[in-house]
Amino acid sequence: MNRLDELRGPMPSHPHDARAIAALAANPGCARRGLMDAAGVDKDRTARHLGFPAPFGQSQFAITRGNVFEALVKENGCAELLRLLRELLGLPIDQVGYQDVESVGSHLRHSHTRALIDRAARESDGTAVFYDHPLFSLEIAGHTSYLEPDVVAFQLGGRFRIVEIKSFGLVDGQAEPSMVAAAARQAAVYVLALRTLMADLGHDPERVSHDVVLVCPENFANRPTAALVDVRKQLAVLKRQLARMTRVDRLLEGLPPDLTFDLVPDQDGVPTRPADELAGALRQVPARYAPDCLSTCDMCMFCRDEARRSGSTDLLGRQIRDQLGGVSRMTEALGLAEGTLQPAEGQEEIARLLRLADRLREEALN
């Protein structure tokens, strides 16, 4: 058993998905999340056991609705999806091939995906193929993560596209901006993983389009409709943030040899480890909380409570926290702003800006 397995304990490894990788890349400085994700720790289960469940998550009704809609889009070899693509992209094709990569078994899916993509890229004979349930890999901080997307990779004449199927509605051609943004971030992870695979196989990664096909229900019916979403911006942010992440082996250095996030489940899988003991173990790995975590990370409520107790400037958000430089406590920031605390060497400019902000606040209130 390696060190990451020891951290997780006997629970099965919780795999990365595109949502998790997008959230991790949005906060690359968080060692706690990076380590928990690398070890495959179920953060939702951990947060619930600690008494700090996340304020988000899909209902069972929404999950069922999503599965039904995805099955509708993919039935009969993706016939409905082909109709949408003909209309959206102006494709002069009547039918396409269909490959269900999942049919080969979980242990062969990654190598089978590689072989299929390689063959399609080499042949480039104008034929069109849908690849359902492909398995991609992506290196995250020196640790290989395997993505099991509920998406389709569509290939025509050597050009590849990611098709993202979501169950939120497009009403009069518009959808909830936050949902579209989240879908774009997740789709960017798949685009990057497929481009990485293409490069690894010796093909031009730019043959994977940055225009993702987003398929959603139209208006209030279950009839699918499709739109193109340009994810170049999300790709650039994702690559930049992944490059900034600390490697897992460096995160493991210096950890106490007996440190574990094990929930100590009983024979029925119910966690039995005292919550205070688990919380103490987690606090030995630094977090980098920000208000944005409240919509992306299962551990957000635990880390927010920790930041409140310590009076951390993390509560102010990443932009303000970064502008404050080495000022890590709210009491220190307030002391510098009010002039009751003398700035340390290198804090003079920060102190001046804080005093200015405090004076402007007073003027606005009076």
Protein backbone atom coordinates (compact mmCIF):
# COMPACT_ATOMS: atom_id res chain seq x y z
CA MET A 1 0.00 0.00 0.00
CA ASN A 2 1.50 3.37 -0.99
CA ARG A 3 1.29 6.54 1.06
CA LEU A 4 -1.78 7.87 -0.79
CA ASP A 5 -3.65 4.62 -0.11
CA GLU A 6 -2.67 4.87 3.55
CA LEU A 7 -4.07 8.41 3.71
CA ARG A 8 -7.41 7.26 2.30
CA GLY A 9 -7.72 4.07 4.33
CA PRO A 10 -9.69 0.99 3.20
CA MET A 11 -12.43 2.93 1.41
CA PRO A 12 -12.43 2.60 -2.41
CA SER A 13 -10.64 5.40 -4.22
CA HIS A 14 -13.02 8.19 -5.23
CA PRO A 15 -12.16 8.98 -8.88
CA HIS A 16 -11.63 12.44 -10.29
CA ASP A 17 -14.22 13.79 -12.65
CA ALA A 18 -14.12 16.89 -14.84
CA ARG A 19 -15.97 18.95 -12.24
CA ALA A 20 -13.44 18.02 -9.56
CA ILE A 21 -10.44 18.81 -11.78
CA ALA A 22 -11.94 22.15 -12.85
CA ALA A 23 -12.52 23.06 -9.19
CA LEU A 24 -9.03 21.90 -8.19
CA ALA A 25 -7.46 23.95 -10.97
CA ALA A 26 -9.45 27.00 -9.86
CA ASN A 27 -7.65 26.85 -6.50
CA PRO A 28 -4.20 25.41 -7.25
CA GLY A 29 -2.69 26.61 -3.98
CA CYS A 30 -4.91 24.43 -1.77
CA ALA A 31 -2.68 21.62 -0.51
CA ARG A 32 -5.52 20.02 1.43
CA ARG A 33 -7.75 19.55 -1.58
CA GLY A 34 -4.83 18.53 -3.79
CA LEU A 35 -3.81 15.80 -1.36
CA MET A 36 -7.34 14.56 -0.73
CA ASP A 37 -8.07 14.36 -4.45
CA ALA A 38 -4.77 12.61 -5.22
CA ALA A 39 -5.51 10.04 -2.49
CA GLY A 40 -9.03 9.50 -3.83
CA VAL A 41 -10.68 10.58 -0.56
CA ASP A 42 -14.45 10.99 -0.78
CA LYS A 43 -14.68 14.65 0.27
CA ASP A 44 -18.47 14.69 0.42
CA ARG A 45 -18.54 11.73 2.82
CA THR A 46 -15.73 13.26 4.87
CA ALA A 47 -17.47 16.65 5.14
CA ARG A 48 -20.74 15.03 6.22
CA HIS A 49 -18.98 12.98 8.89
CA LEU A 50 -17.36 16.17 10.20
CA GLY A 51 -20.77 17.84 10.39
CA PHE A 52 -20.05 20.31 7.57
CA PRO A 53 -21.95 19.09 4.47
CA ALA A 54 -21.52 21.19 1.32
CA PRO A 55 -24.41 23.53 0.41
CA PHE A 56 -24.67 22.16 -3.13
CA GLY A 57 -25.20 18.91 -4.97
CA GLN A 58 -27.77 17.39 -7.29
CA SER A 59 -31.00 15.92 -6.02
CA GLN A 60 -31.84 12.34 -6.89
CA PHE A 61 -34.62 13.69 -9.11
CA ALA A 62 -32.13 15.82 -11.07
CA ILE A 63 -29.72 12.88 -11.43
CA THR A 64 -32.52 10.63 -12.72
CA ARG A 65 -33.70 13.34 -15.13
CA GLY A 66 -30.17 13.76 -16.42
CA ASN A 67 -29.74 10.03 -17.00
CA VAL A 68 -33.06 9.82 -18.87
CA PHE A 69 -32.15 12.79 -21.06
CA GLU A 70 -28.68 11.40 -21.84
CA ALA A 71 -30.18 8.04 -22.80
CA LEU A 72 -32.62 9.84 -25.13
CA VAL A 73 -29.78 11.71 -26.86
CA LYS A 74 -27.70 8.55 -27.28
CA GLU A 75 -30.36 5.98 -28.20
CA ASN A 76 -30.19 4.10 -31.50
CA GLY A 77 -26.47 4.74 -31.89
CA CYS A 78 -26.77 8.49 -31.20
CA ALA A 79 -29.32 9.01 -33.99
CA GLU A 80 -30.82 12.07 -32.28
CA LEU A 81 -27.37 13.51 -31.70
CA LEU A 82 -26.53 13.05 -35.38
CA ARG A 83 -29.64 15.07 -36.30
CA LEU A 84 -28.52 17.87 -34.02
CA LEU A 85 -24.99 17.91 -35.41
CA ARG A 86 -26.22 17.97 -39.01
CA GLU A 87 -28.27 21.07 -38.18
CA LEU A 88 -25.64 22.78 -36.01
CA LEU A 89 -22.52 22.08 -38.08
CA GLY A 90 -24.05 21.65 -41.53
CA LEU A 91 -22.68 18.11 -41.83
CA PRO A 92 -23.32 16.45 -45.22
CA ILE A 93 -23.64 12.97 -43.70
CA ASP A 94 -26.62 10.66 -43.24
CA GLN A 95 -25.17 8.16 -40.78
CA VAL A 96 -22.11 7.58 -38.64
CA GLY A 97 -20.31 4.74 -36.93
CA TYR A 98 -20.82 4.16 -33.22
CA GLN A 99 -18.29 2.77 -30.75
CA ASP A 100 -19.27 2.10 -27.14
CA VAL A 101 -15.85 2.06 -25.47
CA GLU A 102 -17.40 0.88 -22.20
CA SER A 103 -18.28 -2.47 -23.79
CA VAL A 104 -14.67 -3.72 -23.57
CA GLY A 105 -14.66 -3.63 -19.75
CA SER A 106 -13.30 -1.07 -17.30
CA HIS A 107 -9.75 -2.47 -17.23
CA LEU A 108 -9.33 -2.05 -21.02
CA ARG A 109 -11.18 1.20 -21.60
CA HIS A 110 -8.15 3.51 -21.47
CA SER A 111 -6.00 1.47 -23.87
CA HIS A 112 -9.00 0.86 -26.14
CA THR A 113 -9.75 4.60 -26.23
CA ARG A 114 -6.15 5.29 -27.21
CA ALA A 115 -6.27 2.72 -30.02
CA LEU A 116 -9.56 4.02 -31.42
CA ILE A 117 -8.50 7.67 -31.36
CA ASP A 118 -5.12 6.80 -32.91
CA ARG A 119 -6.73 4.83 -35.73
CA ALA A 120 -9.27 7.57 -36.45
CA ALA A 121 -6.54 10.23 -36.51
CA ARG A 122 -4.39 8.18 -38.88
CA GLU A 123 -7.08 7.18 -41.33
CA SER A 124 -8.77 10.60 -41.77
CA ASP A 125 -10.83 9.15 -44.60
CA GLY A 126 -13.90 11.30 -44.14
CA THR A 127 -15.85 8.74 -42.12
CA ALA A 128 -17.67 9.91 -39.01
CA VAL A 129 -17.68 8.05 -35.70
CA PHE A 130 -19.19 8.58 -32.26
CA TYR A 131 -17.09 7.35 -29.32
CA ASP A 132 -19.31 6.76 -26.31
CA HIS A 133 -17.87 6.47 -22.76
CA PRO A 134 -14.20 7.02 -23.68
CA LEU A 135 -11.68 6.96 -20.85
CA PHE A 136 -9.09 9.75 -20.86
CA SER A 137 -6.16 10.40 -18.54
CA LEU A 138 -4.69 13.68 -17.36
CA GLU A 139 -1.70 14.38 -15.15
CA ILE A 140 -2.63 16.47 -12.13
CA ALA A 141 0.33 17.64 -10.02
CA GLY A 142 2.41 14.61 -10.98
CA HIS A 143 -0.45 12.18 -10.33
CA THR A 144 -2.31 10.51 -13.22
CA SER A 145 -6.09 10.89 -13.02
CA TYR A 146 -8.50 8.93 -15.19
CA LEU A 147 -11.60 10.68 -16.46
CA GLU A 148 -14.76 8.70 -17.05
CA PRO A 149 -16.90 11.23 -18.89
CA ASP A 150 -20.54 10.81 -19.79
CA VAL A 151 -19.69 12.53 -23.05
CA VAL A 152 -19.24 11.59 -26.64
CA ALA A 153 -16.13 12.23 -28.69
CA PHE A 154 -17.25 12.87 -32.25
CA GLN A 155 -14.79 12.47 -35.11
CA LEU A 156 -15.26 13.41 -38.75
CA GLY A 157 -12.41 13.43 -41.25
CA GLY A 158 -9.76 13.54 -38.55
CA ARG A 159 -11.38 16.46 -36.70
CA PHE A 160 -12.56 15.74 -33.15
CA ARG A 161 -15.16 17.43 -30.99
CA ILE A 162 -16.32 16.95 -27.43
CA VAL A 163 -20.08 16.71 -26.97
CA GLU A 164 -21.29 17.63 -23.48
CA ILE A 165 -24.82 16.50 -22.55
CA LYS A 166 -26.53 18.45 -19.77
CA SER A 167 -30.10 18.31 -18.47
CA PHE A 168 -30.57 22.04 -17.69
CA GLY A 169 -32.89 23.72 -20.17
CA LEU A 170 -32.28 26.22 -22.95
CA VAL A 171 -35.28 28.56 -22.86
CA ASP A 172 -35.60 30.73 -25.97
CA GLY A 173 -32.00 29.90 -26.77
CA GLN A 174 -30.72 31.03 -23.35
CA ALA A 175 -29.61 29.08 -20.29
CA GLU A 176 -28.60 29.97 -16.74
CA PRO A 177 -25.15 31.62 -17.19
CA SER A 178 -23.65 29.91 -14.14
CA MET A 179 -24.67 26.49 -15.45
CA VAL A 180 -23.24 27.18 -18.91
CA ALA A 181 -20.01 28.43 -17.31
CA ALA A 182 -19.71 25.28 -15.19
CA ALA A 183 -20.37 23.09 -18.24
CA ALA A 184 -17.72 25.00 -20.21
CA ARG A 185 -15.13 24.49 -17.45
CA GLN A 186 -15.85 20.77 -17.32
CA ALA A 187 -15.81 20.43 -21.11
CA ALA A 188 -12.44 22.23 -21.20
CA VAL A 189 -11.01 19.44 -19.02
CA TYR A 190 -12.13 16.85 -21.59
CA VAL A 191 -10.75 18.92 -24.47
CA LEU A 192 -7.39 19.20 -22.71
CA ALA A 193 -7.33 15.47 -21.94
CA LEU A 194 -8.13 14.57 -25.57
CA ARG A 195 -5.55 17.05 -26.90
CA THR A 196 -2.98 15.58 -24.51
CA LEU A 197 -3.79 12.10 -25.82
CA MET A 198 -3.47 13.29 -29.44
CA ALA A 199 -0.05 14.82 -28.73
CA ASP A 200 1.06 11.66 -26.92
CA LEU A 201 0.08 9.63 -29.99
CA GLY A 202 2.09 11.91 -32.28
CA HIS A 203 -0.86 13.80 -33.80
CA ASP A 204 -1.62 17.51 -33.92
CA PRO A 205 -3.57 18.32 -30.73
CA GLU A 206 -5.26 21.24 -32.52
CA ARG A 207 -7.31 18.66 -34.42
CA VAL A 208 -9.43 18.59 -31.26
CA SER A 209 -11.79 21.55 -31.65
CA HIS A 210 -12.07 24.20 -28.96
CA ASP A 211 -15.76 24.53 -29.89
CA VAL A 212 -17.67 22.12 -27.67
CA VAL A 213 -21.15 20.91 -28.61
CA LEU A 214 -23.48 21.51 -25.66
CA VAL A 215 -26.70 19.47 -25.82
CA CYS A 216 -29.60 20.47 -23.55
CA PRO A 217 -33.41 20.13 -23.42
CA GLU A 218 -35.18 22.81 -25.44
CA ASN A 219 -37.53 25.09 -23.50
CA PHE A 220 -39.60 23.05 -21.03
CA ALA A 221 -39.82 19.87 -23.10
CA ASN A 222 -37.37 16.96 -23.25
CA ARG A 223 -36.58 17.56 -26.93
CA PRO A 224 -32.80 18.02 -27.31
CA THR A 225 -31.22 21.08 -28.86
CA ALA A 226 -27.55 21.92 -29.37
CA ALA A 227 -25.27 24.95 -29.30
CA LEU A 228 -21.55 25.56 -29.78
CA VAL A 229 -19.55 26.80 -26.77
CA ASP A 230 -16.05 28.19 -27.28
CA VAL A 231 -13.86 26.99 -24.37
CA ARG A 232 -10.54 28.63 -25.35
CA LYS A 233 -10.65 30.94 -22.34
CA GLN A 234 -11.38 28.05 -19.97
CA LEU A 235 -8.60 25.99 -21.57
CA ALA A 236 -6.05 28.76 -21.06
CA VAL A 237 -7.01 29.17 -17.40
CA LEU A 238 -7.01 25.41 -16.82
CA LYS A 239 -3.53 24.90 -18.30
CA ARG A 240 -2.11 27.85 -16.40
CA GLN A 241 -3.55 26.71 -13.08
CA LEU A 242 -2.53 23.07 -13.51
CA ALA A 243 1.04 24.22 -14.21
CA ARG A 244 1.02 26.12 -10.89
CA MET A 245 -0.04 23.15 -8.79
CA THR A 246 2.42 21.61 -6.36
CA ARG A 247 3.36 18.03 -7.17
CA VAL A 248 1.80 15.36 -4.97
CA ASP A 249 5.18 13.98 -3.88
CA ARG A 250 6.09 17.41 -2.48
CA LEU A 251 2.75 17.61 -0.66
CA LEU A 252 3.52 14.27 0.98
CA GLU A 253 6.92 15.42 2.23
CA GLY A 254 6.97 16.29 5.90
CA LEU A 255 3.61 14.75 6.73
CA PRO A 256 3.60 12.73 9.96
CA PRO A 257 3.98 9.03 9.08
CA ASP A 258 0.82 8.14 11.00
CA LEU A 259 -1.35 10.87 9.44
CA THR A 260 -4.46 9.46 7.80
CA PHE A 261 -7.86 10.65 6.61
CA ASP A 262 -9.30 7.19 7.18
CA LEU A 263 -12.96 7.29 8.23
CA VAL A 264 -12.55 3.88 9.94
CA PRO A 265 -15.79 2.44 8.54
CA ASP A 266 -17.57 -0.46 10.23
CA GLN A 267 -18.67 -3.60 8.41
CA ASP A 268 -21.61 -1.69 6.90
CA GLY A 269 -19.36 1.12 5.67
CA VAL A 270 -20.55 3.63 8.29
CA PRO A 271 -17.72 5.95 9.47
CA THR A 272 -16.76 5.40 13.12
CA ARG A 273 -13.74 7.68 13.50
CA PRO A 274 -14.31 10.52 15.99
CA ALA A 275 -15.02 13.72 14.05
CA ASP A 276 -12.66 15.78 16.24
CA GLU A 277 -9.81 13.37 15.54
CA LEU A 278 -10.44 13.48 11.78
CA ALA A 279 -10.65 17.29 11.88
CA GLY A 280 -7.29 17.42 13.65
CA ALA A 281 -5.74 15.26 10.95
CA LEU A 282 -7.09 17.47 8.18
CA ARG A 283 -5.83 20.64 9.85
CA GLN A 284 -2.27 19.31 9.58
CA VAL A 285 -2.51 19.95 5.82
CA PRO A 286 -2.98 23.66 4.99
CA ALA A 287 -6.06 24.75 3.06
CA ARG A 288 -6.46 27.85 0.90
CA TYR A 289 -10.08 28.78 1.44
CA ALA A 290 -11.84 31.38 -0.68
CA PRO A 291 -15.56 32.25 -0.98
CA ASP A 292 -15.54 30.67 -4.46
CA CYS A 293 -15.04 27.29 -2.76
CA LEU A 294 -18.66 27.45 -1.58
CA SER A 295 -19.84 26.44 -5.06
CA THR A 296 -17.07 24.03 -6.06
CA CYS A 297 -15.56 22.07 -3.14
CA ASP A 298 -17.24 19.56 -0.84
CA MET A 299 -14.95 20.63 2.02
CA CYS A 300 -15.92 24.31 1.76
CA MET A 301 -17.98 24.60 4.97
CA PHE A 302 -15.31 22.93 7.10
CA CYS A 303 -12.57 25.16 5.66
CA ARG A 304 -14.72 28.29 6.02
CA ASP A 305 -15.33 27.49 9.67
CA GLU A 306 -11.59 26.98 10.12
CA ALA A 307 -10.83 30.33 8.42
CA ARG A 308 -13.40 32.11 10.63
CA ARG A 309 -11.98 30.64 13.81
CA SER A 310 -8.46 31.72 12.88
CA GLY A 311 -9.53 35.14 11.56
CA SER A 312 -7.86 34.46 8.21
CA THR A 313 -7.93 37.02 5.40
CA ASP A 314 -8.86 34.09 3.14
CA LEU A 315 -12.46 35.03 3.97
CA LEU A 316 -12.07 38.22 1.89
CA GLY A 317 -11.52 36.37 -1.38
CA ARG A 318 -8.49 35.50 -3.48
CA GLN A 319 -8.03 38.91 -5.12
CA ILE A 320 -8.02 40.89 -1.86
CA ARG A 321 -6.00 38.21 -0.05
CA ASP A 322 -3.32 38.33 -2.74
CA GLN A 323 -3.24 42.13 -2.62
CA LEU A 324 -2.66 41.98 1.14
CA GLY A 325 0.50 39.97 0.57
CA GLY A 326 1.84 38.59 3.84
CA VAL A 327 -1.03 39.97 5.97
CA SER A 328 -2.77 36.71 6.85
CA ARG A 329 -5.03 37.70 9.77
CA MET A 330 -8.04 40.02 9.85
CA THR A 331 -6.87 41.56 13.15
CA GLU A 332 -3.53 42.44 11.54
CA ALA A 333 -5.26 44.00 8.52
CA LEU A 334 -7.57 46.04 10.76
CA GLY A 335 -4.66 47.18 12.94
CA LEU A 336 -2.74 48.39 9.88
CA ALA A 337 -5.85 50.12 8.50
CA GLU A 338 -6.61 51.91 11.78
CA GLY A 339 -2.98 52.79 12.48
CA THR A 340 -2.91 50.89 15.78
CA LEU A 341 -0.32 48.45 14.41
CA GLN A 342 3.03 49.46 12.96
CA PRO A 343 3.76 47.82 9.58
CA ALA A 344 6.61 45.34 9.45
CA GLU A 345 9.37 45.66 6.88
CA GLY A 346 7.87 45.33 3.42
CA GLN A 347 4.30 46.07 4.61
CA GLU A 348 4.49 49.85 4.27
CA GLU A 349 2.63 50.05 0.92
CA ILE A 350 -0.03 47.57 2.06
CA ALA A 351 -0.54 49.60 5.24
CA ARG A 352 -0.89 52.81 3.23
CA LEU A 353 -3.56 51.25 1.00
CA LEU A 354 -5.43 49.83 4.00
CA ARG A 355 -5.45 53.24 5.71
CA LEU A 356 -6.72 54.81 2.50
CA ALA A 357 -9.48 52.21 2.21
CA ASP A 358 -10.45 52.76 5.85
CA ARG A 359 -10.61 56.55 5.34
CA LEU A 360 -12.77 56.15 2.22
CA ARG A 361 -15.09 53.81 4.11
CA GLU A 362 -15.47 56.38 6.93
CA GLU A 363 -16.22 59.16 4.42
CA ALA A 364 -18.82 57.00 2.68
CA LEU A 365 -20.57 56.27 5.97
CA ASN A 366 -20.64 59.92 7.13
